[in-house]
Amino acid sequence: QGGDRLPDGPCIIAPNHQSYFDGMFVNAFMRKSAVWRTLYYAKAKHFGGAWKKFLADRSNVIVATPEEGILQSLQKVAAALRRGNNVVIFPEGTRSAGGQLGSFKESYAILARELNVPVVPVVIDGTHRVLPVGGWFPRLLRRVRVTYLDPVTPREGEAADSFNQRVRALI
């Protein structure tokens, strides 16, 4: 629900994270024009091996490597947002077990504040039943709900940690 809530300009899409399938479900309910300009921010450890690295280098993934550090990788995300792209950042940083919402990292909130771009919170419910953490084979025919919430922006003078907690509360 609510895939039409994505703004026409660049934004940060901030879904909760339950499964490796979350990205697919986030894309499935976007307008096609938004899909083409949406990138994903992901850790390099998910792209180990030549084949996965090859795919990441030629797709819509901004890979954060340990060698470059957090500042340099966030600069790549900022550049993508300045070019008019959307960027999906999973604020939990990892998949949560059992569908429970984990703590949020602040990197997306800092970017939203510094670049004055909206954040679209996305609630994903059910992908933890399709492919749970530690699972190898998907369980088909499970109900999944994806809900795009209204875009939010940091308030004037709002600290990143406060904005981060506000977005988490919405999800």
N, C-alpha and C. Protein backbone atom coordinates (compact mmCIF):
# COMPACT_ATOMS: atom_id res chain seq x y z
N GLN A 1 0.83 -1.18 0.00
CA GLN A 1 0.00 0.00 0.00
C GLN A 1 0.87 1.24 0.00
N GLY A 2 0.42 2.28 -0.67
CA GLY A 2 1.05 3.58 -0.57
C GLY A 2 2.27 3.81 -1.42
N GLY A 3 2.54 2.94 -2.39
CA GLY A 3 3.71 3.14 -3.25
C GLY A 3 3.68 4.47 -3.98
N ASP A 4 2.49 5.05 -4.10
CA ASP A 4 2.35 6.36 -4.75
C ASP A 4 2.76 7.50 -3.82
N ARG A 5 3.12 7.20 -2.58
CA ARG A 5 3.54 8.23 -1.62
C ARG A 5 4.99 8.67 -1.84
N LEU A 6 5.71 7.97 -2.70
CA LEU A 6 7.10 8.38 -2.97
C LEU A 6 7.08 9.73 -3.66
N PRO A 7 7.89 10.69 -3.19
CA PRO A 7 7.93 12.00 -3.83
C PRO A 7 8.55 11.91 -5.22
N ASP A 8 8.31 12.90 -6.04
CA ASP A 8 8.88 12.93 -7.39
C ASP A 8 10.39 13.18 -7.36
N GLY A 9 10.86 13.89 -6.36
CA GLY A 9 12.29 14.16 -6.22
C GLY A 9 12.97 13.07 -5.42
N PRO A 10 14.26 13.25 -5.16
CA PRO A 10 15.02 12.24 -4.43
C PRO A 10 14.52 12.08 -3.00
N CYS A 11 14.63 10.86 -2.50
CA CYS A 11 14.26 10.59 -1.11
C CYS A 11 15.04 9.39 -0.61
N ILE A 12 15.01 9.22 0.70
CA ILE A 12 15.57 8.04 1.33
C ILE A 12 14.38 7.15 1.70
N ILE A 13 14.42 5.92 1.25
CA ILE A 13 13.37 4.96 1.57
C ILE A 13 13.92 4.11 2.72
N ALA A 14 13.20 4.11 3.85
CA ALA A 14 13.70 3.48 5.07
C ALA A 14 12.76 2.37 5.55
N PRO A 15 12.93 1.15 5.02
CA PRO A 15 12.10 0.04 5.49
C PRO A 15 12.72 -0.70 6.68
N ASN A 16 11.84 -1.34 7.46
CA ASN A 16 12.38 -2.29 8.43
C ASN A 16 12.92 -3.49 7.64
N HIS A 17 13.66 -4.35 8.31
CA HIS A 17 14.38 -5.40 7.57
C HIS A 17 14.16 -6.76 8.23
N GLN A 18 13.46 -7.66 7.52
CA GLN A 18 13.13 -8.97 8.06
C GLN A 18 13.75 -10.12 7.28
N SER A 19 14.08 -9.90 6.00
CA SER A 19 14.47 -11.02 5.14
C SER A 19 15.29 -10.51 3.96
N TYR A 20 16.00 -11.44 3.33
CA TYR A 20 16.71 -11.09 2.10
C TYR A 20 15.74 -10.69 0.98
N PHE A 21 14.48 -11.03 1.10
CA PHE A 21 13.49 -10.69 0.08
C PHE A 21 12.94 -9.28 0.22
N ASP A 22 13.30 -8.54 1.25
CA ASP A 22 12.72 -7.23 1.49
C ASP A 22 12.90 -6.27 0.31
N GLY A 23 14.08 -6.24 -0.26
CA GLY A 23 14.32 -5.33 -1.39
C GLY A 23 13.39 -5.61 -2.55
N MET A 24 13.17 -6.88 -2.84
CA MET A 24 12.28 -7.25 -3.93
C MET A 24 10.86 -6.76 -3.66
N PHE A 25 10.41 -6.91 -2.42
CA PHE A 25 9.06 -6.46 -2.08
C PHE A 25 8.95 -4.94 -2.08
N VAL A 26 10.00 -4.24 -1.66
CA VAL A 26 9.98 -2.78 -1.70
C VAL A 26 9.85 -2.31 -3.15
N ASN A 27 10.61 -2.89 -4.05
CA ASN A 27 10.54 -2.51 -5.47
C ASN A 27 9.22 -2.89 -6.12
N ALA A 28 8.63 -4.00 -5.71
CA ALA A 28 7.43 -4.52 -6.37
C ALA A 28 6.26 -3.56 -6.31
N PHE A 29 6.23 -2.67 -5.33
CA PHE A 29 5.07 -1.81 -5.15
C PHE A 29 5.36 -0.34 -5.42
N MET A 30 6.47 -0.06 -6.08
CA MET A 30 6.80 1.31 -6.49
C MET A 30 6.29 1.56 -7.90
N ARG A 31 6.07 2.82 -8.20
CA ARG A 31 5.82 3.19 -9.60
C ARG A 31 7.07 2.83 -10.40
N LYS A 32 6.87 2.44 -11.65
CA LYS A 32 8.01 2.03 -12.49
C LYS A 32 9.03 3.15 -12.61
N SER A 33 8.57 4.40 -12.71
CA SER A 33 9.51 5.52 -12.83
C SER A 33 10.40 5.63 -11.59
N ALA A 34 9.87 5.27 -10.43
CA ALA A 34 10.66 5.33 -9.20
C ALA A 34 11.64 4.17 -9.12
N VAL A 35 11.25 3.00 -9.61
CA VAL A 35 12.14 1.84 -9.56
C VAL A 35 13.44 2.13 -10.31
N TRP A 36 13.32 2.76 -11.46
CA TRP A 36 14.50 3.01 -12.31
C TRP A 36 15.49 3.96 -11.68
N ARG A 37 15.03 4.78 -10.73
CA ARG A 37 15.96 5.73 -10.11
C ARG A 37 16.22 5.44 -8.63
N THR A 38 15.96 4.19 -8.23
CA THR A 38 16.15 3.80 -6.84
C THR A 38 17.36 2.88 -6.70
N LEU A 39 18.24 3.26 -5.78
CA LEU A 39 19.45 2.49 -5.49
C LEU A 39 19.35 1.92 -4.08
N TYR A 40 20.16 0.91 -3.81
CA TYR A 40 20.20 0.27 -2.50
C TYR A 40 21.57 0.46 -1.89
N TYR A 41 21.61 0.77 -0.61
CA TYR A 41 22.84 0.89 0.14
C TYR A 41 23.04 -0.41 0.90
N ALA A 42 24.15 -1.11 0.65
CA ALA A 42 24.35 -2.44 1.24
C ALA A 42 25.80 -2.63 1.65
N LYS A 43 25.99 -3.51 2.60
CA LYS A 43 27.32 -3.86 3.08
C LYS A 43 28.02 -4.77 2.07
N ALA A 44 29.32 -4.59 1.95
CA ALA A 44 30.12 -5.39 1.01
C ALA A 44 30.06 -6.88 1.34
N LYS A 45 29.88 -7.24 2.60
CA LYS A 45 29.88 -8.65 2.98
C LYS A 45 28.76 -9.43 2.28
N HIS A 46 27.73 -8.73 1.82
CA HIS A 46 26.64 -9.39 1.10
C HIS A 46 27.00 -9.63 -0.37
N PHE A 47 28.12 -9.11 -0.79
CA PHE A 47 28.52 -9.23 -2.18
C PHE A 47 29.89 -9.87 -2.31
N GLY A 48 30.17 -10.83 -1.44
CA GLY A 48 31.41 -11.58 -1.51
C GLY A 48 31.38 -12.53 -2.70
N GLY A 49 32.51 -12.82 -3.22
CA GLY A 49 32.59 -13.70 -4.38
C GLY A 49 32.50 -12.91 -5.67
N ALA A 50 33.14 -13.42 -6.67
CA ALA A 50 33.25 -12.71 -7.95
C ALA A 50 31.89 -12.46 -8.60
N TRP A 51 31.01 -13.45 -8.59
CA TRP A 51 29.72 -13.31 -9.27
C TRP A 51 28.85 -12.23 -8.62
N LYS A 52 28.75 -12.25 -7.29
CA LYS A 52 27.93 -11.25 -6.60
C LYS A 52 28.53 -9.86 -6.74
N LYS A 53 29.86 -9.77 -6.68
CA LYS A 53 30.50 -8.47 -6.85
C LYS A 53 30.26 -7.93 -8.25
N PHE A 54 30.34 -8.80 -9.25
CA PHE A 54 30.06 -8.42 -10.63
C PHE A 54 28.65 -7.85 -10.76
N LEU A 55 27.68 -8.53 -10.16
CA LEU A 55 26.30 -8.06 -10.22
C LEU A 55 26.11 -6.73 -9.52
N ALA A 56 26.71 -6.60 -8.34
CA ALA A 56 26.57 -5.35 -7.58
C ALA A 56 27.17 -4.17 -8.32
N ASP A 57 28.31 -4.39 -8.95
CA ASP A 57 28.98 -3.31 -9.69
C ASP A 57 28.18 -2.83 -10.89
N ARG A 58 27.28 -3.68 -11.39
CA ARG A 58 26.52 -3.35 -12.59
C ARG A 58 25.03 -3.18 -12.33
N SER A 59 24.67 -2.98 -11.09
CA SER A 59 23.25 -2.85 -10.77
C SER A 59 23.02 -1.62 -9.91
N ASN A 60 21.91 -1.63 -9.24
CA ASN A 60 21.50 -0.46 -8.48
C ASN A 60 21.90 -0.54 -7.01
N VAL A 61 23.13 -0.96 -6.74
CA VAL A 61 23.61 -1.13 -5.38
C VAL A 61 24.80 -0.21 -5.13
N ILE A 62 24.74 0.53 -4.03
CA ILE A 62 25.89 1.28 -3.54
C ILE A 62 26.50 0.42 -2.44
N VAL A 63 27.68 -0.08 -2.68
CA VAL A 63 28.31 -1.01 -1.75
C VAL A 63 29.22 -0.26 -0.79
N ALA A 64 28.98 -0.49 0.51
CA ALA A 64 29.82 0.09 1.56
C ALA A 64 30.89 -0.93 1.93
N THR A 65 32.13 -0.58 1.65
CA THR A 65 33.23 -1.50 1.96
C THR A 65 33.91 -1.08 3.26
N PRO A 66 34.45 -2.04 4.00
CA PRO A 66 35.14 -1.70 5.25
C PRO A 66 36.36 -0.80 5.01
N GLU A 67 36.99 -0.95 3.85
CA GLU A 67 38.20 -0.17 3.56
C GLU A 67 37.92 1.33 3.45
N GLU A 68 36.77 1.68 2.92
CA GLU A 68 36.50 3.10 2.70
C GLU A 68 35.97 3.81 3.94
N GLY A 69 35.39 3.09 4.87
CA GLY A 69 34.85 3.70 6.07
C GLY A 69 33.48 4.29 5.84
N ILE A 70 32.83 4.61 6.95
CA ILE A 70 31.44 5.07 6.90
C ILE A 70 31.31 6.42 6.20
N LEU A 71 32.22 7.35 6.44
CA LEU A 71 32.11 8.68 5.85
C LEU A 71 32.17 8.61 4.32
N GLN A 72 33.13 7.89 3.79
CA GLN A 72 33.27 7.79 2.34
C GLN A 72 32.08 7.07 1.71
N SER A 73 31.57 6.04 2.36
CA SER A 73 30.43 5.34 1.78
C SER A 73 29.18 6.21 1.83
N LEU A 74 29.01 6.99 2.89
CA LEU A 74 27.87 7.90 2.94
C LEU A 74 27.99 9.03 1.92
N GLN A 75 29.22 9.40 1.58
CA GLN A 75 29.41 10.39 0.53
C GLN A 75 28.93 9.86 -0.82
N LYS A 76 29.09 8.55 -1.05
CA LYS A 76 28.56 7.95 -2.29
C LYS A 76 27.03 8.00 -2.30
N VAL A 77 26.42 7.75 -1.15
CA VAL A 77 24.96 7.83 -1.05
C VAL A 77 24.51 9.27 -1.27
N ALA A 78 25.19 10.22 -0.66
CA ALA A 78 24.84 11.63 -0.82
C ALA A 78 24.94 12.05 -2.28
N ALA A 79 25.96 11.60 -2.97
CA ALA A 79 26.12 11.93 -4.40
C ALA A 79 24.95 11.38 -5.20
N ALA A 80 24.51 10.18 -4.89
CA ALA A 80 23.37 9.58 -5.60
C ALA A 80 22.10 10.39 -5.35
N LEU A 81 21.89 10.82 -4.11
CA LEU A 81 20.71 11.64 -3.80
C LEU A 81 20.78 12.98 -4.52
N ARG A 82 21.96 13.58 -4.58
CA ARG A 82 22.12 14.86 -5.29
C ARG A 82 21.85 14.72 -6.78
N ARG A 83 22.10 13.52 -7.33
CA ARG A 83 21.81 13.27 -8.76
C ARG A 83 20.33 13.02 -9.02
N GLY A 84 19.52 12.98 -7.96
CA GLY A 84 18.09 12.79 -8.12
C GLY A 84 17.61 11.37 -7.89
N ASN A 85 18.51 10.50 -7.43
CA ASN A 85 18.11 9.12 -7.15
C ASN A 85 17.45 9.00 -5.78
N ASN A 86 16.65 7.96 -5.64
CA ASN A 86 16.20 7.52 -4.32
C ASN A 86 17.22 6.51 -3.83
N VAL A 87 17.35 6.40 -2.52
CA VAL A 87 18.24 5.39 -1.96
C VAL A 87 17.50 4.65 -0.85
N VAL A 88 17.49 3.33 -0.94
CA VAL A 88 16.91 2.49 0.11
C VAL A 88 18.01 2.19 1.12
N ILE A 89 17.74 2.56 2.36
CA ILE A 89 18.66 2.26 3.46
C ILE A 89 17.85 1.55 4.53
N PHE A 90 18.25 0.36 4.89
CA PHE A 90 17.59 -0.36 5.97
C PHE A 90 18.19 0.14 7.28
N PRO A 91 17.45 0.96 8.03
CA PRO A 91 18.03 1.59 9.24
C PRO A 91 18.49 0.61 10.30
N GLU A 92 17.91 -0.60 10.34
CA GLU A 92 18.35 -1.57 11.33
C GLU A 92 19.74 -2.09 11.02
N GLY A 93 20.13 -1.99 9.75
CA GLY A 93 21.46 -2.42 9.34
C GLY A 93 21.60 -3.92 9.16
N THR A 94 20.64 -4.67 9.63
CA THR A 94 20.66 -6.12 9.50
C THR A 94 19.23 -6.63 9.61
N ARG A 95 19.03 -7.86 9.23
CA ARG A 95 17.69 -8.44 9.33
C ARG A 95 17.37 -8.74 10.79
N SER A 96 16.14 -8.48 11.16
CA SER A 96 15.72 -8.76 12.53
C SER A 96 15.16 -10.17 12.62
N ALA A 97 15.35 -10.79 13.74
CA ALA A 97 14.85 -12.15 13.94
C ALA A 97 13.38 -12.12 14.33
N GLY A 98 12.60 -12.97 13.71
CA GLY A 98 11.20 -13.12 14.09
C GLY A 98 10.31 -11.96 13.78
N GLY A 99 10.76 -11.02 12.98
CA GLY A 99 9.93 -9.89 12.61
C GLY A 99 9.92 -8.75 13.62
N GLN A 100 10.70 -8.87 14.69
CA GLN A 100 10.77 -7.80 15.70
C GLN A 100 11.59 -6.64 15.18
N LEU A 101 11.17 -5.43 15.49
CA LEU A 101 11.87 -4.23 15.04
C LEU A 101 13.11 -4.02 15.91
N GLY A 102 14.27 -3.92 15.26
CA GLY A 102 15.52 -3.70 15.98
C GLY A 102 15.81 -2.22 16.16
N SER A 103 16.95 -1.93 16.75
CA SER A 103 17.36 -0.53 16.90
C SER A 103 17.79 0.01 15.54
N PHE A 104 17.68 1.31 15.37
CA PHE A 104 18.01 1.96 14.10
C PHE A 104 19.35 2.66 14.20
N LYS A 105 20.14 2.53 13.15
CA LYS A 105 21.37 3.31 13.02
C LYS A 105 20.97 4.69 12.47
N GLU A 106 21.80 5.69 12.66
CA GLU A 106 21.43 7.07 12.32
C GLU A 106 21.91 7.56 10.98
N SER A 107 22.62 6.76 10.21
CA SER A 107 23.21 7.27 8.97
C SER A 107 22.18 7.89 8.04
N TYR A 108 21.04 7.25 7.86
CA TYR A 108 20.01 7.79 6.96
C TYR A 108 19.46 9.11 7.50
N ALA A 109 19.33 9.22 8.83
CA ALA A 109 18.79 10.43 9.45
C ALA A 109 19.77 11.60 9.28
N ILE A 110 21.05 11.31 9.39
CA ILE A 110 22.08 12.34 9.19
C ILE A 110 22.02 12.83 7.74
N LEU A 111 21.94 11.88 6.79
CA LEU A 111 21.86 12.27 5.38
C LEU A 111 20.60 13.11 5.11
N ALA A 112 19.47 12.69 5.63
CA ALA A 112 18.23 13.43 5.41
C ALA A 112 18.34 14.85 5.94
N ARG A 113 18.94 14.97 7.09
CA ARG A 113 19.09 16.29 7.71
C ARG A 113 20.07 17.17 6.93
N GLU A 114 21.22 16.60 6.58
CA GLU A 114 22.24 17.39 5.89
C GLU A 114 21.82 17.78 4.47
N LEU A 115 21.10 16.89 3.78
CA LEU A 115 20.74 17.14 2.38
C LEU A 115 19.31 17.65 2.22
N ASN A 116 18.58 17.73 3.33
CA ASN A 116 17.19 18.17 3.30
C ASN A 116 16.35 17.36 2.31
N VAL A 117 16.44 16.04 2.42
CA VAL A 117 15.63 15.15 1.60
C VAL A 117 14.65 14.41 2.51
N PRO A 118 13.47 14.12 2.00
CA PRO A 118 12.49 13.40 2.82
C PRO A 118 12.87 11.93 2.98
N VAL A 119 12.36 11.35 4.05
CA VAL A 119 12.49 9.93 4.32
C VAL A 119 11.10 9.32 4.22
N VAL A 120 11.00 8.24 3.45
CA VAL A 120 9.74 7.52 3.34
C VAL A 120 9.87 6.24 4.16
N PRO A 121 9.24 6.22 5.35
CA PRO A 121 9.28 4.99 6.14
C PRO A 121 8.44 3.91 5.45
N VAL A 122 8.92 2.69 5.49
CA VAL A 122 8.20 1.57 4.88
C VAL A 122 8.10 0.45 5.92
N VAL A 123 6.87 -0.01 6.11
CA VAL A 123 6.63 -1.10 7.05
C VAL A 123 6.50 -2.39 6.24
N ILE A 124 7.39 -3.33 6.51
CA ILE A 124 7.34 -4.65 5.88
C ILE A 124 6.92 -5.64 6.95
N ASP A 125 5.90 -6.40 6.67
CA ASP A 125 5.43 -7.40 7.62
C ASP A 125 5.22 -8.73 6.90
N GLY A 126 5.92 -9.73 7.33
CA GLY A 126 5.69 -11.08 6.82
C GLY A 126 6.84 -11.71 6.08
N THR A 127 7.83 -10.94 5.64
CA THR A 127 8.93 -11.58 4.91
C THR A 127 9.76 -12.47 5.81
N HIS A 128 9.71 -12.24 7.13
CA HIS A 128 10.42 -13.13 8.06
C HIS A 128 9.82 -14.54 8.04
N ARG A 129 8.58 -14.66 7.58
CA ARG A 129 7.97 -15.98 7.45
C ARG A 129 8.28 -16.62 6.09
N VAL A 130 8.60 -15.78 5.10
CA VAL A 130 8.96 -16.29 3.77
C VAL A 130 10.37 -16.86 3.78
N LEU A 131 11.30 -16.10 4.32
CA LEU A 131 12.69 -16.56 4.45
C LEU A 131 13.26 -16.00 5.74
N PRO A 132 13.15 -16.74 6.83
CA PRO A 132 13.64 -16.24 8.11
C PRO A 132 15.16 -16.15 8.15
N VAL A 133 15.67 -15.37 9.09
CA VAL A 133 17.11 -15.29 9.32
C VAL A 133 17.62 -16.71 9.55
N GLY A 134 18.65 -17.08 8.81
CA GLY A 134 19.22 -18.42 8.91
C GLY A 134 18.59 -19.43 7.98
N GLY A 135 17.49 -19.06 7.33
CA GLY A 135 16.82 -19.97 6.41
C GLY A 135 17.51 -20.03 5.06
N TRP A 136 17.34 -21.15 4.38
CA TRP A 136 17.95 -21.34 3.07
C TRP A 136 16.93 -21.40 1.94
N PHE A 137 15.76 -21.92 2.24
CA PHE A 137 14.75 -22.11 1.20
C PHE A 137 13.50 -21.30 1.54
N PRO A 138 13.02 -20.52 0.58
CA PRO A 138 11.83 -19.71 0.86
C PRO A 138 10.58 -20.58 1.06
N ARG A 139 9.73 -20.09 1.91
CA ARG A 139 8.44 -20.72 2.14
C ARG A 139 7.42 -19.92 1.35
N LEU A 140 6.90 -20.52 0.32
CA LEU A 140 6.00 -19.81 -0.58
C LEU A 140 4.60 -19.71 0.02
N LEU A 141 3.79 -18.86 -0.58
CA LEU A 141 2.40 -18.67 -0.21
C LEU A 141 2.21 -18.14 1.21
N ARG A 142 3.12 -17.30 1.65
CA ARG A 142 2.99 -16.62 2.93
C ARG A 142 2.53 -15.19 2.65
N ARG A 143 1.71 -14.67 3.52
CA ARG A 143 1.20 -13.30 3.34
C ARG A 143 2.29 -12.29 3.73
N VAL A 144 2.49 -11.32 2.85
CA VAL A 144 3.45 -10.24 3.09
C VAL A 144 2.71 -8.92 2.86
N ARG A 145 2.92 -7.99 3.76
CA ARG A 145 2.32 -6.66 3.61
C ARG A 145 3.44 -5.63 3.58
N VAL A 146 3.37 -4.75 2.59
CA VAL A 146 4.32 -3.65 2.46
C VAL A 146 3.52 -2.35 2.46
N THR A 147 3.81 -1.46 3.40
CA THR A 147 3.08 -0.21 3.51
C THR A 147 4.06 0.96 3.49
N TYR A 148 3.93 1.80 2.47
CA TYR A 148 4.70 3.04 2.39
C TYR A 148 3.96 4.09 3.20
N LEU A 149 4.64 4.70 4.15
CA LEU A 149 4.05 5.76 4.96
C LEU A 149 4.33 7.11 4.31
N ASP A 150 3.68 8.15 4.80
CA ASP A 150 3.91 9.49 4.26
C ASP A 150 5.36 9.91 4.49
N PRO A 151 5.94 10.63 3.53
CA PRO A 151 7.31 11.12 3.70
C PRO A 151 7.41 12.05 4.91
N VAL A 152 8.53 11.98 5.59
CA VAL A 152 8.81 12.87 6.72
C VAL A 152 10.16 13.52 6.51
N THR A 153 10.30 14.72 7.01
CA THR A 153 11.58 15.43 6.93
C THR A 153 11.96 15.88 8.34
N PRO A 154 13.25 16.04 8.58
CA PRO A 154 13.67 16.54 9.88
C PRO A 154 13.11 17.95 10.10
N ARG A 155 12.68 18.20 11.32
CA ARG A 155 12.19 19.53 11.68
C ARG A 155 13.37 20.48 11.81
N GLU A 156 13.09 21.75 11.70
CA GLU A 156 14.13 22.78 11.85
C GLU A 156 14.86 22.57 13.18
N GLY A 157 16.17 22.36 13.12
CA GLY A 157 16.99 22.19 14.31
C GLY A 157 16.89 20.82 14.97
N GLU A 158 16.12 19.90 14.39
CA GLU A 158 15.97 18.58 15.00
C GLU A 158 17.27 17.78 14.85
N ALA A 159 17.72 17.20 15.92
CA ALA A 159 18.94 16.38 15.89
C ALA A 159 18.66 15.08 15.16
N ALA A 160 19.71 14.50 14.58
CA ALA A 160 19.57 13.25 13.83
C ALA A 160 19.02 12.13 14.70
N ASP A 161 19.46 12.05 15.96
CA ASP A 161 18.97 10.97 16.81
C ASP A 161 17.48 11.11 17.12
N SER A 162 17.01 12.33 17.27
CA SER A 162 15.58 12.56 17.50
C SER A 162 14.76 12.20 16.27
N PHE A 163 15.24 12.61 15.10
CA PHE A 163 14.55 12.28 13.85
C PHE A 163 14.55 10.76 13.64
N ASN A 164 15.67 10.13 13.93
CA ASN A 164 15.79 8.68 13.82
C ASN A 164 14.72 7.98 14.68
N GLN A 165 14.56 8.41 15.90
CA GLN A 165 13.58 7.81 16.80
C GLN A 165 12.15 8.08 16.33
N ARG A 166 11.93 9.24 15.73
CA ARG A 166 10.60 9.57 15.20
C ARG A 166 10.24 8.65 14.05
N VAL A 167 11.20 8.39 13.14
CA VAL A 167 10.95 7.49 12.02
C VAL A 167 10.73 6.07 12.53
N ARG A 168 11.53 5.64 13.48
CA ARG A 168 11.38 4.29 14.04
C ARG A 168 9.99 4.13 14.66
N ALA A 169 9.52 5.15 15.38
CA ALA A 169 8.20 5.08 16.00
C ALA A 169 7.09 4.95 14.95
N LEU A 170 7.27 5.59 13.80
CA LEU A 170 6.27 5.48 12.74
C LEU A 170 6.21 4.04 12.20
N ILE A 171 7.39 3.44 12.05
CA ILE A 171 7.44 2.07 11.52
C ILE A 171 6.91 1.09 12.55
